[in-house]
Amino acid sequence: MLTRKDGTLITPENLTDEDVALSDWSIFDRLDSEERIARYLKGTVQDIKEGECDAGFLFDALADATKARAINQLARETGLDRKIFYEIESESNIPAINHEVIVKVVESFAVPVPV
């Protein structure tokens, strides 16, 4: 059962363009653990076997998994929210990231940062 943010039920009769509009979404929102990364890759291989997509899709999935692992590791090492690293990776919100966050990220690579 689908509902709008205000709690009203979405039915075929009252469906609007806003109801079906795509929102900002990233695979990295879902790849937040080793288990989810493994299931994602396993699903990709299964889709290739079933002819749902070509083998090139596997390279995209491997790139996603690699980035997700790096983001998850950096989040653990710095204590920062994973979303910050998505913003850095996508360059979507760089000006909003403050100096302390940048210093923590760079220091996680064991690079001395002048303050």
PDB file of N, CA and C in Angstrom:
ATOM      1  N   MET A   1       0.837  -1.159   0.000  1.00  0.00           N
ATOM      2  CA  MET A   1       0.000   0.000   0.000  1.00  0.00           C
ATOM      3  C   MET A   1       0.896   1.240   0.000  1.00  0.00           C
ATOM      4  N   LEU A   2       0.719   2.116  -0.980  1.00  0.00           N
ATOM      5  CA  LEU A   2       1.524   3.327  -1.081  1.00  0.00           C
ATOM      6  C   LEU A   2       0.746   4.518  -0.543  1.00  0.00           C
ATOM      7  N   THR A   3       1.461   5.360   0.193  1.00  0.00           N
ATOM      8  CA  THR A   3       0.842   6.570   0.722  1.00  0.00           C
ATOM      9  C   THR A   3       1.734   7.765   0.433  1.00  0.00           C
ATOM     10  N   ARG A   4       1.119   8.944   0.445  1.00  0.00           N
ATOM     11  CA  ARG A   4       1.873  10.183   0.304  1.00  0.00           C
ATOM     12  C   ARG A   4       2.430  10.570   1.661  1.00  0.00           C
ATOM     13  N   LYS A   5       3.293  11.582   1.658  1.00  0.00           N
ATOM     14  CA  LYS A   5       3.883  12.049   2.913  1.00  0.00           C
ATOM     15  C   LYS A   5       2.819  12.470   3.915  1.00  0.00           C
ATOM     16  N   ASP A   6       1.687  12.981   3.416  1.00  0.00           N
ATOM     17  CA  ASP A   6       0.626  13.424   4.331  1.00  0.00           C
ATOM     18  C   ASP A   6      -0.240  12.267   4.818  1.00  0.00           C
ATOM     19  N   GLY A   7       0.080  11.034   4.358  1.00  0.00           N
ATOM     20  CA  GLY A   7      -0.637   9.857   4.827  1.00  0.00           C
ATOM     21  C   GLY A   7      -1.785   9.398   3.946  1.00  0.00           C
ATOM     22  N   THR A   8      -2.144  10.174   2.918  1.00  0.00           N
ATOM     23  CA  THR A   8      -3.255   9.760   2.053  1.00  0.00           C
ATOM     24  C   THR A   8      -2.831   8.595   1.173  1.00  0.00           C
ATOM     25  N   LEU A   9      -3.754   7.711   0.957  1.00  0.00           N
ATOM     26  CA  LEU A   9      -3.521   6.518   0.157  1.00  0.00           C
ATOM     27  C   LEU A   9      -3.412   6.891  -1.320  1.00  0.00           C
ATOM     28  N   ILE A  10      -2.437   6.312  -2.018  1.00  0.00           N
ATOM     29  CA  ILE A  10      -2.301   6.527  -3.457  1.00  0.00           C
ATOM     30  C   ILE A  10      -3.019   5.387  -4.167  1.00  0.00           C
ATOM     31  N   THR A  11      -3.956   5.746  -5.027  1.00  0.00           N
ATOM     32  CA  THR A  11      -4.711   4.767  -5.803  1.00  0.00           C
ATOM     33  C   THR A  11      -4.577   5.114  -7.273  1.00  0.00           C
ATOM     34  N   PRO A  12      -4.928   4.202  -8.178  1.00  0.00           N
ATOM     35  CA  PRO A  12      -4.882   4.539  -9.609  1.00  0.00           C
ATOM     36  C   PRO A  12      -5.757   5.748  -9.948  1.00  0.00           C
ATOM     37  N   GLU A  13      -6.813   5.937  -9.200  1.00  0.00           N
ATOM     38  CA  GLU A  13      -7.734   7.041  -9.486  1.00  0.00           C
ATOM     39  C   GLU A  13      -7.172   8.406  -9.101  1.00  0.00           C
ATOM     40  N   ASN A  14      -6.332   8.473  -8.056  1.00  0.00           N
ATOM     41  CA  ASN A  14      -5.823   9.779  -7.621  1.00  0.00           C
ATOM     42  C   ASN A  14      -4.317   9.938  -7.845  1.00  0.00           C
ATOM     43  N   LEU A  15      -3.728   9.081  -8.667  1.00  0.00           N
ATOM     44  CA  LEU A  15      -2.299   9.123  -8.962  1.00  0.00           C
ATOM     45  C   LEU A  15      -1.957  10.414  -9.702  1.00  0.00           C
ATOM     46  N   THR A  16      -0.915  11.102  -9.248  1.00  0.00           N
ATOM     47  CA  THR A  16      -0.481  12.350  -9.886  1.00  0.00           C
ATOM     48  C   THR A  16       0.938  12.199 -10.413  1.00  0.00           C
ATOM     49  N   ASP A  17       1.370  13.171 -11.214  1.00  0.00           N
ATOM     50  CA  ASP A  17       2.747  13.172 -11.716  1.00  0.00           C
ATOM     51  C   ASP A  17       3.744  13.229 -10.565  1.00  0.00           C
ATOM     52  N   GLU A  18       3.415  13.965  -9.507  1.00  0.00           N
ATOM     53  CA  GLU A  18       4.303  14.055  -8.351  1.00  0.00           C
ATOM     54  C   GLU A  18       4.472  12.702  -7.659  1.00  0.00           C
ATOM     55  N   ASP A  19       3.425  11.877  -7.686  1.00  0.00           N
ATOM     56  CA  ASP A  19       3.495  10.558  -7.063  1.00  0.00           C
ATOM     57  C   ASP A  19       4.507   9.660  -7.749  1.00  0.00           C
ATOM     58  N   VAL A  20       4.686   9.832  -9.038  1.00  0.00           N
ATOM     59  CA  VAL A  20       5.574   8.944  -9.791  1.00  0.00           C
ATOM     60  C   VAL A  20       6.888   9.608 -10.177  1.00  0.00           C
ATOM     61  N   ALA A  21       7.097  10.858  -9.761  1.00  0.00           N
ATOM     62  CA  ALA A  21       8.345  11.551 -10.074  1.00  0.00           C
ATOM     63  C   ALA A  21       9.507  10.839  -9.394  1.00  0.00           C
ATOM     64  N   LEU A  22      10.610  10.791 -10.089  1.00  0.00           N
ATOM     65  CA  LEU A  22      11.799  10.156  -9.534  1.00  0.00           C
ATOM     66  C   LEU A  22      12.463  11.095  -8.541  1.00  0.00           C
ATOM     67  N   SER A  23      12.892  10.554  -7.445  1.00  0.00           N
ATOM     68  CA  SER A  23      13.603  11.348  -6.451  1.00  0.00           C
ATOM     69  C   SER A  23      15.096  11.084  -6.583  1.00  0.00           C
ATOM     70  N   ASP A  24      15.888  11.940  -5.936  1.00  0.00           N
ATOM     71  CA  ASP A  24      17.322  11.694  -5.912  1.00  0.00           C
ATOM     72  C   ASP A  24      17.548  10.377  -5.192  1.00  0.00           C
ATOM     73  N   TRP A  25      18.266   9.505  -5.824  1.00  0.00           N
ATOM     74  CA  TRP A  25      18.499   8.183  -5.255  1.00  0.00           C
ATOM     75  C   TRP A  25      19.893   7.760  -5.653  1.00  0.00           C
ATOM     76  N   SER A  26      20.537   7.073  -4.788  1.00  0.00           N
ATOM     77  CA  SER A  26      21.878   6.581  -5.062  1.00  0.00           C
ATOM     78  C   SER A  26      21.990   5.146  -4.584  1.00  0.00           C
ATOM     79  N   ILE A  27      22.666   4.326  -5.357  1.00  0.00           N
ATOM     80  CA  ILE A  27      22.890   2.939  -4.958  1.00  0.00           C
ATOM     81  C   ILE A  27      23.658   2.896  -3.641  1.00  0.00           C
ATOM     82  N   PHE A  28      24.462   3.931  -3.363  1.00  0.00           N
ATOM     83  CA  PHE A  28      25.262   3.941  -2.151  1.00  0.00           C
ATOM     84  C   PHE A  28      24.403   4.040  -0.891  1.00  0.00           C
ATOM     85  N   ASP A  29      23.153   4.537  -1.045  1.00  0.00           N
ATOM     86  CA  ASP A  29      22.238   4.540   0.093  1.00  0.00           C
ATOM     87  C   ASP A  29      21.934   3.118   0.547  1.00  0.00           C
ATOM     88  N   ARG A  30      22.010   2.181  -0.363  1.00  0.00           N
ATOM     89  CA  ARG A  30      21.656   0.790  -0.067  1.00  0.00           C
ATOM     90  C   ARG A  30      22.859  -0.088   0.260  1.00  0.00           C
ATOM     91  N   LEU A  31      24.026   0.278  -0.241  1.00  0.00           N
ATOM     92  CA  LEU A  31      25.217  -0.560  -0.057  1.00  0.00           C
ATOM     93  C   LEU A  31      25.954  -0.157   1.215  1.00  0.00           C
ATOM     94  N   ASP A  32      25.284  -0.324   2.355  1.00  0.00           N
ATOM     95  CA  ASP A  32      25.829   0.147   3.622  1.00  0.00           C
ATOM     96  C   ASP A  32      26.424  -0.961   4.489  1.00  0.00           C
ATOM     97  N   SER A  33      26.538  -2.171   3.936  1.00  0.00           N
ATOM     98  CA  SER A  33      27.156  -3.270   4.679  1.00  0.00           C
ATOM     99  C   SER A  33      27.749  -4.265   3.694  1.00  0.00           C
ATOM    100  N   GLU A  34      28.656  -5.096   4.204  1.00  0.00           N
ATOM    101  CA  GLU A  34      29.259  -6.128   3.353  1.00  0.00           C
ATOM    102  C   GLU A  34      28.198  -7.096   2.836  1.00  0.00           C
ATOM    103  N   GLU A  35      27.220  -7.402   3.663  1.00  0.00           N
ATOM    104  CA  GLU A  35      26.149  -8.319   3.251  1.00  0.00           C
ATOM    105  C   GLU A  35      25.354  -7.742   2.081  1.00  0.00           C
ATOM    106  N   ARG A  36      25.011  -6.471   2.155  1.00  0.00           N
ATOM    107  CA  ARG A  36      24.243  -5.851   1.066  1.00  0.00           C
ATOM    108  C   ARG A  36      25.075  -5.745  -0.209  1.00  0.00           C
ATOM    109  N   ILE A  37      26.361  -5.450  -0.057  1.00  0.00           N
ATOM    110  CA  ILE A  37      27.242  -5.392  -1.223  1.00  0.00           C
ATOM    111  C   ILE A  37      27.290  -6.765  -1.887  1.00  0.00           C
ATOM    112  N   ALA A  38      27.447  -7.818  -1.095  1.00  0.00           N
ATOM    113  CA  ALA A  38      27.507  -9.183  -1.638  1.00  0.00           C
ATOM    114  C   ALA A  38      26.203  -9.546  -2.344  1.00  0.00           C
ATOM    115  N   ARG A  39      25.064  -9.206  -1.748  1.00  0.00           N
ATOM    116  CA  ARG A  39      23.772  -9.509  -2.384  1.00  0.00           C
ATOM    117  C   ARG A  39      23.603  -8.743  -3.695  1.00  0.00           C
ATOM    118  N   TYR A  40      24.075  -7.506  -3.708  1.00  0.00           N
ATOM    119  CA  TYR A  40      24.011  -6.687  -4.923  1.00  0.00           C
ATOM    120  C   TYR A  40      24.822  -7.330  -6.049  1.00  0.00           C
ATOM    121  N   LEU A  41      26.039  -7.747  -5.739  1.00  0.00           N
ATOM    122  CA  LEU A  41      26.879  -8.381  -6.752  1.00  0.00           C
ATOM    123  C   LEU A  41      26.301  -9.730  -7.190  1.00  0.00           C
ATOM    124  N   LYS A  42      25.792 -10.503  -6.232  1.00  0.00           N
ATOM    125  CA  LYS A  42      25.185 -11.796  -6.562  1.00  0.00           C
ATOM    126  C   LYS A  42      23.964 -11.590  -7.468  1.00  0.00           C
ATOM    127  N   GLY A  43      23.169 -10.577  -7.161  1.00  0.00           N
ATOM    128  CA  GLY A  43      22.005 -10.273  -7.996  1.00  0.00           C
ATOM    129  C   GLY A  43      22.396  -9.839  -9.403  1.00  0.00           C
ATOM    130  N   THR A  44      23.491  -9.082  -9.489  1.00  0.00           N
ATOM    131  CA  THR A  44      23.988  -8.654 -10.799  1.00  0.00           C
ATOM    132  C   THR A  44      24.409  -9.855 -11.639  1.00  0.00           C
ATOM    133  N   VAL A  45      25.140 -10.769 -11.028  1.00  0.00           N
ATOM    134  CA  VAL A  45      25.576 -11.983 -11.740  1.00  0.00           C
ATOM    135  C   VAL A  45      24.350 -12.794 -12.172  1.00  0.00           C
ATOM    136  N   GLN A  46      23.375 -12.908 -11.309  1.00  0.00           N
ATOM    137  CA  GLN A  46      22.151 -13.646 -11.645  1.00  0.00           C
ATOM    138  C   GLN A  46      21.427 -12.987 -12.823  1.00  0.00           C
ATOM    139  N   ASP A  47      21.345 -11.658 -12.813  1.00  0.00           N
ATOM    140  CA  ASP A  47      20.701 -10.943 -13.923  1.00  0.00           C
ATOM    141  C   ASP A  47      21.428 -11.190 -15.238  1.00  0.00           C
ATOM    142  N   ILE A  48      22.748 -11.242 -15.192  1.00  0.00           N
ATOM    143  CA  ILE A  48      23.524 -11.526 -16.406  1.00  0.00           C
ATOM    144  C   ILE A  48      23.230 -12.940 -16.887  1.00  0.00           C
ATOM    145  N   LYS A  49      23.214 -13.910 -15.969  1.00  0.00           N
ATOM    146  CA  LYS A  49      22.924 -15.303 -16.330  1.00  0.00           C
ATOM    147  C   LYS A  49      21.544 -15.441 -16.960  1.00  0.00           C
ATOM    148  N   GLU A  50      20.591 -14.658 -16.474  1.00  0.00           N
ATOM    149  CA  GLU A  50      19.223 -14.736 -16.976  1.00  0.00           C
ATOM    150  C   GLU A  50      18.993 -13.861 -18.202  1.00  0.00           C
ATOM    151  N   GLY A  51      20.048 -13.164 -18.654  1.00  0.00           N
ATOM    152  CA  GLY A  51      19.934 -12.347 -19.845  1.00  0.00           C
ATOM    153  C   GLY A  51      19.260 -11.002 -19.615  1.00  0.00           C
ATOM    154  N   GLU A  52      19.134 -10.604 -18.357  1.00  0.00           N
ATOM    155  CA  GLU A  52      18.490  -9.328 -18.037  1.00  0.00           C
ATOM    156  C   GLU A  52      19.378  -8.139 -18.403  1.00  0.00           C
ATOM    157  N   CYS A  53      20.694  -8.346 -18.392  1.00  0.00           N
ATOM    158  CA  CYS A  53      21.629  -7.282 -18.737  1.00  0.00           C
ATOM    159  C   CYS A  53      22.905  -7.930 -19.267  1.00  0.00           C
ATOM    160  N   ASP A  54      23.742  -7.093 -19.888  1.00  0.00           N
ATOM    161  CA  ASP A  54      24.977  -7.658 -20.441  1.00  0.00           C
ATOM    162  C   ASP A  54      26.081  -7.644 -19.382  1.00  0.00           C
ATOM    163  N   ALA A  55      27.174  -8.289 -19.724  1.00  0.00           N
ATOM    164  CA  ALA A  55      28.276  -8.435 -18.773  1.00  0.00           C
ATOM    165  C   ALA A  55      28.890  -7.088 -18.408  1.00  0.00           C
ATOM    166  N   GLY A  56      28.742  -6.083 -19.250  1.00  0.00           N
ATOM    167  CA  GLY A  56      29.262  -4.753 -18.936  1.00  0.00           C
ATOM    168  C   GLY A  56      28.648  -4.185 -17.670  1.00  0.00           C
ATOM    169  N   PHE A  57      27.425  -4.593 -17.371  1.00  0.00           N
ATOM    170  CA  PHE A  57      26.758  -4.137 -16.160  1.00  0.00           C
ATOM    171  C   PHE A  57      27.513  -4.597 -14.914  1.00  0.00           C
ATOM    172  N   LEU A  58      28.182  -5.746 -15.013  1.00  0.00           N
ATOM    173  CA  LEU A  58      28.956  -6.254 -13.886  1.00  0.00           C
ATOM    174  C   LEU A  58      30.078  -5.286 -13.513  1.00  0.00           C
ATOM    175  N   PHE A  59      30.710  -4.674 -14.516  1.00  0.00           N
ATOM    176  CA  PHE A  59      31.779  -3.717 -14.227  1.00  0.00           C
ATOM    177  C   PHE A  59      31.230  -2.495 -13.486  1.00  0.00           C
ATOM    178  N   ASP A  60      30.034  -2.054 -13.872  1.00  0.00           N
ATOM    179  CA  ASP A  60      29.399  -0.947 -13.151  1.00  0.00           C
ATOM    180  C   ASP A  60      29.102  -1.349 -11.708  1.00  0.00           C
ATOM    181  N   ALA A  61      28.602  -2.562 -11.520  1.00  0.00           N
ATOM    182  CA  ALA A  61      28.286  -3.049 -10.171  1.00  0.00           C
ATOM    183  C   ALA A  61      29.555  -3.180  -9.335  1.00  0.00           C
ATOM    184  N   LEU A  62      30.638  -3.653  -9.940  1.00  0.00           N
ATOM    185  CA  LEU A  62      31.913  -3.764  -9.215  1.00  0.00           C
ATOM    186  C   LEU A  62      32.438  -2.380  -8.818  1.00  0.00           C
ATOM    187  N   ALA A  63      32.267  -1.402  -9.696  1.00  0.00           N
ATOM    188  CA  ALA A  63      32.674  -0.035  -9.358  1.00  0.00           C
ATOM    189  C   ALA A  63      31.832   0.488  -8.198  1.00  0.00           C
ATOM    190  N   ASP A  64      30.521   0.232  -8.237  1.00  0.00           N
ATOM    191  CA  ASP A  64      29.642   0.639  -7.125  1.00  0.00           C
ATOM    192  C   ASP A  64      30.084  -0.010  -5.819  1.00  0.00           C
ATOM    193  N   ALA A  65      30.373  -1.308  -5.867  1.00  0.00           N
ATOM    194  CA  ALA A  65      30.772  -2.043  -4.663  1.00  0.00           C
ATOM    195  C   ALA A  65      32.093  -1.505  -4.112  1.00  0.00           C
ATOM    196  N   THR A  66      33.025  -1.203  -4.984  1.00  0.00           N
ATOM    197  CA  THR A  66      34.322  -0.672  -4.564  1.00  0.00           C
ATOM    198  C   THR A  66      34.153   0.680  -3.883  1.00  0.00           C
ATOM    199  N   LYS A  67      33.355   1.563  -4.500  1.00  0.00           N
ATOM    200  CA  LYS A  67      33.114   2.882  -3.903  1.00  0.00           C
ATOM    201  C   LYS A  67      32.394   2.739  -2.568  1.00  0.00           C
ATOM    202  N   ALA A  68      31.402   1.859  -2.511  1.00  0.00           N
ATOM    203  CA  ALA A  68      30.639   1.677  -1.268  1.00  0.00           C
ATOM    204  C   ALA A  68      31.540   1.181  -0.151  1.00  0.00           C
ATOM    205  N   ARG A  69      32.414   0.231  -0.447  1.00  0.00           N
ATOM    206  CA  ARG A  69      33.338  -0.269   0.579  1.00  0.00           C
ATOM    207  C   ARG A  69      34.249   0.833   1.082  1.00  0.00           C
ATOM    208  N   ALA A  70      34.752   1.646   0.160  1.00  0.00           N
ATOM    209  CA  ALA A  70      35.627   2.749   0.553  1.00  0.00           C
ATOM    210  C   ALA A  70      34.867   3.761   1.406  1.00  0.00           C
ATOM    211  N   ILE A  71      33.659   4.084   1.012  1.00  0.00           N
ATOM    212  CA  ILE A  71      32.841   5.028   1.773  1.00  0.00           C
ATOM    213  C   ILE A  71      32.536   4.472   3.157  1.00  0.00           C
ATOM    214  N   ASN A  72      32.150   3.202   3.228  1.00  0.00           N
ATOM    215  CA  ASN A  72      31.847   2.586   4.522  1.00  0.00           C
ATOM    216  C   ASN A  72      33.071   2.588   5.435  1.00  0.00           C
ATOM    217  N   GLN A  73      34.232   2.271   4.880  1.00  0.00           N
ATOM    218  CA  GLN A  73      35.473   2.248   5.658  1.00  0.00           C
ATOM    219  C   GLN A  73      35.828   3.648   6.159  1.00  0.00           C
ATOM    220  N   LEU A  74      35.737   4.643   5.285  1.00  0.00           N
ATOM    221  CA  LEU A  74      36.042   6.012   5.693  1.00  0.00           C
ATOM    222  C   LEU A  74      35.080   6.491   6.781  1.00  0.00           C
ATOM    223  N   ALA A  75      33.823   6.131   6.653  1.00  0.00           N
ATOM    224  CA  ALA A  75      32.841   6.531   7.670  1.00  0.00           C
ATOM    225  C   ALA A  75      33.198   5.920   9.020  1.00  0.00           C
ATOM    226  N   ARG A  76      33.595   4.643   9.013  1.00  0.00           N
ATOM    227  CA  ARG A  76      33.998   3.991  10.271  1.00  0.00           C
ATOM    228  C   ARG A  76      35.236   4.660  10.867  1.00  0.00           C
ATOM    229  N   GLU A  77      36.238   4.930  10.022  1.00  0.00           N
ATOM    230  CA  GLU A  77      37.500   5.487  10.507  1.00  0.00           C
ATOM    231  C   GLU A  77      37.364   6.906  11.038  1.00  0.00           C
ATOM    232  N   THR A  78      36.481   7.694  10.430  1.00  0.00           N
ATOM    233  CA  THR A  78      36.363   9.103  10.811  1.00  0.00           C
ATOM    234  C   THR A  78      35.222   9.370  11.778  1.00  0.00           C
ATOM    235  N   GLY A  79      34.278   8.429  11.874  1.00  0.00           N
ATOM    236  CA  GLY A  79      33.098   8.662  12.701  1.00  0.00           C
ATOM    237  C   GLY A  79      32.098   9.602  12.056  1.00  0.00           C
ATOM    238  N   LEU A  80      32.282   9.883  10.768  1.00  0.00           N
ATOM    239  CA  LEU A  80      31.378  10.777  10.049  1.00  0.00           C
ATOM    240  C   LEU A  80      30.257   9.981   9.378  1.00  0.00           C
ATOM    241  N   ASP A  81      29.162  10.646   9.112  1.00  0.00           N
ATOM    242  CA  ASP A  81      28.027  10.027   8.426  1.00  0.00           C
ATOM    243  C   ASP A  81      28.417   9.677   6.991  1.00  0.00           C
ATOM    244  N   ARG A  82      27.973   8.519   6.530  1.00  0.00           N
ATOM    245  CA  ARG A  82      28.292   8.072   5.171  1.00  0.00           C
ATOM    246  C   ARG A  82      27.815   9.058   4.117  1.00  0.00           C
ATOM    247  N   LYS A  83      26.736   9.776   4.375  1.00  0.00           N
ATOM    248  CA  LYS A  83      26.179  10.715   3.388  1.00  0.00           C
ATOM    249  C   LYS A  83      27.172  11.804   3.006  1.00  0.00           C
ATOM    250  N   ILE A  84      28.032  12.166   3.948  1.00  0.00           N
ATOM    251  CA  ILE A  84      29.051  13.180   3.645  1.00  0.00           C
ATOM    252  C   ILE A  84      29.949  12.689   2.515  1.00  0.00           C
ATOM    253  N   PHE A  85      30.297  11.419   2.546  1.00  0.00           N
ATOM    254  CA  PHE A  85      31.184  10.874   1.524  1.00  0.00           C
ATOM    255  C   PHE A  85      30.478  10.757   0.169  1.00  0.00           C
ATOM    256  N   TYR A  86      29.156  10.538   0.175  1.00  0.00           N
ATOM    257  CA  TYR A  86      28.403  10.533  -1.080  1.00  0.00           C
ATOM    258  C   TYR A  86      28.445  11.918  -1.700  1.00  0.00           C
ATOM    259  N   GLU A  87      28.312  12.935  -0.836  1.00  0.00           N
ATOM    260  CA  GLU A  87      28.358  14.300  -1.344  1.00  0.00           C
ATOM    261  C   GLU A  87      29.722  14.612  -1.941  1.00  0.00           C
ATOM    262  N   ILE A  88      30.766  14.166  -1.259  1.00  0.00           N
ATOM    263  CA  ILE A  88      32.114  14.378  -1.787  1.00  0.00           C
ATOM    264  C   ILE A  88      32.275  13.631  -3.110  1.00  0.00           C
ATOM    265  N   GLU A  89      31.819  12.378  -3.132  1.00  0.00           N
ATOM    266  CA  GLU A  89      31.975  11.544  -4.332  1.00  0.00           C
ATOM    267  C   GLU A  89      31.212  12.134  -5.512  1.00  0.00           C
ATOM    268  N   SER A  90      30.027  12.657  -5.261  1.00  0.00           N
ATOM    269  CA  SER A  90      29.214  13.191  -6.360  1.00  0.00           C
ATOM    270  C   SER A  90      29.476  14.665  -6.620  1.00  0.00           C
ATOM    271  N   GLU A  91      30.268  15.294  -5.745  1.00  0.00           N
ATOM    272  CA  GLU A  91      30.564  16.721  -5.834  1.00  0.00           C
ATOM    273  C   GLU A  91      29.287  17.556  -5.832  1.00  0.00           C
ATOM    274  N   SER A  92      28.215  17.028  -5.206  1.00  0.00           N
ATOM    275  CA  SER A  92      26.934  17.716  -5.245  1.00  0.00           C
ATOM    276  C   SER A  92      26.794  18.797  -4.185  1.00  0.00           C
ATOM    277  N   ASN A  93      27.549  18.689  -3.103  1.00  0.00           N
ATOM    278  CA  ASN A  93      27.313  19.598  -1.997  1.00  0.00           C
ATOM    279  C   ASN A  93      28.625  20.009  -1.331  1.00  0.00           C
ATOM    280  N   ILE A  94      29.680  20.108  -2.107  1.00  0.00           N
ATOM    281  CA  ILE A  94      31.003  20.400  -1.560  1.00  0.00           C
ATOM    282  C   ILE A  94      31.033  21.694  -0.742  1.00  0.00           C
ATOM    283  N   PRO A  95      30.443  22.798  -1.207  1.00  0.00           N
ATOM    284  CA  PRO A  95      30.522  24.024  -0.403  1.00  0.00           C
ATOM    285  C   PRO A  95      29.891  23.895   0.980  1.00  0.00           C
ATOM    286  N   ALA A  96      28.950  22.966   1.154  1.00  0.00           N
ATOM    287  CA  ALA A  96      28.273  22.814   2.438  1.00  0.00           C
ATOM    288  C   ALA A  96      29.089  22.010   3.444  1.00  0.00           C
ATOM    289  N   ILE A  97      30.166  21.387   3.015  1.00  0.00           N
ATOM    290  CA  ILE A  97      30.980  20.566   3.910  1.00  0.00           C
ATOM    291  C   ILE A  97      31.984  21.475   4.621  1.00  0.00           C
ATOM    292  N   ASN A  98      31.955  21.449   5.934  1.00  0.00           N
ATOM    293  CA  ASN A  98      32.798  22.381   6.682  1.00  0.00           C
ATOM    294  C   ASN A  98      34.250  21.907   6.791  1.00  0.00           C
ATOM    295  N   HIS A  99      35.089  22.812   7.247  1.00  0.00           N
ATOM    296  CA  HIS A  99      36.530  22.581   7.335  1.00  0.00           C
ATOM    297  C   HIS A  99      36.872  21.380   8.211  1.00  0.00           C
ATOM    298  N   GLU A 100      36.198  21.227   9.359  1.00  0.00           N
ATOM    299  CA  GLU A 100      36.506  20.120  10.265  1.00  0.00           C
ATOM    300  C   GLU A 100      36.263  18.770   9.601  1.00  0.00           C
ATOM    301  N   VAL A 101      35.200  18.696   8.801  1.00  0.00           N
ATOM    302  CA  VAL A 101      34.898  17.444   8.098  1.00  0.00           C
ATOM    303  C   VAL A 101      36.000  17.146   7.095  1.00  0.00           C
ATOM    304  N   ILE A 102      36.409  18.149   6.357  1.00  0.00           N
ATOM    305  CA  ILE A 102      37.468  17.951   5.359  1.00  0.00           C
ATOM    306  C   ILE A 102      38.753  17.492   6.032  1.00  0.00           C
ATOM    307  N   VAL A 103      39.099  18.106   7.152  1.00  0.00           N
ATOM    308  CA  VAL A 103      40.314  17.728   7.881  1.00  0.00           C
ATOM    309  C   VAL A 103      40.222  16.276   8.347  1.00  0.00           C
ATOM    310  N   LYS A 104      39.079  15.866   8.904  1.00  0.00           N
ATOM    311  CA  LYS A 104      38.915  14.476   9.353  1.00  0.00           C
ATOM    312  C   LYS A 104      39.097  13.499   8.202  1.00  0.00           C
ATOM    313  N   VAL A 105      38.519  13.822   7.062  1.00  0.00           N
ATOM    314  CA  VAL A 105      38.615  12.929   5.904  1.00  0.00           C
ATOM    315  C   VAL A 105      40.067  12.810   5.459  1.00  0.00           C
ATOM    316  N   VAL A 106      40.741  13.941   5.305  1.00  0.00           N
ATOM    317  CA  VAL A 106      42.135  13.907   4.848  1.00  0.00           C
ATOM    318  C   VAL A 106      43.014  13.195   5.876  1.00  0.00           C
ATOM    319  N   GLU A 107      42.808  13.452   7.157  1.00  0.00           N
ATOM    320  CA  GLU A 107      43.600  12.786   8.189  1.00  0.00           C
ATOM    321  C   GLU A 107      43.387  11.281   8.205  1.00  0.00           C
ATOM    322  N   SER A 108      42.216  10.815   7.747  1.00  0.00           N
ATOM    323  CA  SER A 108      41.984   9.379   7.706  1.00  0.00           C
ATOM    324  C   SER A 108      42.920   8.694   6.705  1.00  0.00           C
ATOM    325  N   PHE A 109      43.496   9.480   5.791  1.00  0.00           N
ATOM    326  CA  PHE A 109      44.469   8.936   4.864  1.00  0.00           C
ATOM    327  C   PHE A 109      45.901   9.075   5.401  1.00  0.00           C
ATOM    328  N   ALA A 110      46.014   9.455   6.675  1.00  0.00           N
ATOM    329  CA  ALA A 110      47.303   9.621   7.344  1.00  0.00           C
ATOM    330  C   ALA A 110      48.167  10.670   6.662  1.00  0.00           C
ATOM    331  N   VAL A 111      47.512  11.728   6.192  1.00  0.00           N
ATOM    332  CA  VAL A 111      48.216  12.854   5.575  1.00  0.00           C
ATOM    333  C   VAL A 111      48.155  14.016   6.558  1.00  0.00           C
ATOM    334  N   PRO A 112      49.294  14.572   6.959  1.00  0.00           N
ATOM    335  CA  PRO A 112      49.240  15.712   7.886  1.00  0.00           C
ATOM    336  C   PRO A 112      48.542  16.894   7.237  1.00  0.00           C
ATOM    337  N   VAL A 113      47.671  17.538   8.011  1.00  0.00           N
ATOM    338  CA  VAL A 113      46.912  18.657   7.492  1.00  0.00           C
ATOM    339  C   VAL A 113      47.245  19.895   8.316  1.00  0.00           C
ATOM    340  N   PRO A 114      47.756  20.960   7.654  1.00  0.00           N
ATOM    341  CA  PRO A 114      48.002  22.189   8.403  1.00  0.00           C
ATOM    342  C   PRO A 114      46.663  22.820   8.774  1.00  0.00           C
ATOM    343  N   VAL A 115      46.573  23.311   9.994  1.00  0.00           N
ATOM    344  CA  VAL A 115      45.311  23.901  10.452  1.00  0.00           C
ATOM    345  C   VAL A 115      45.342  25.388  10.378  1.00  0.00           C
TER     346      VAL A 115
END
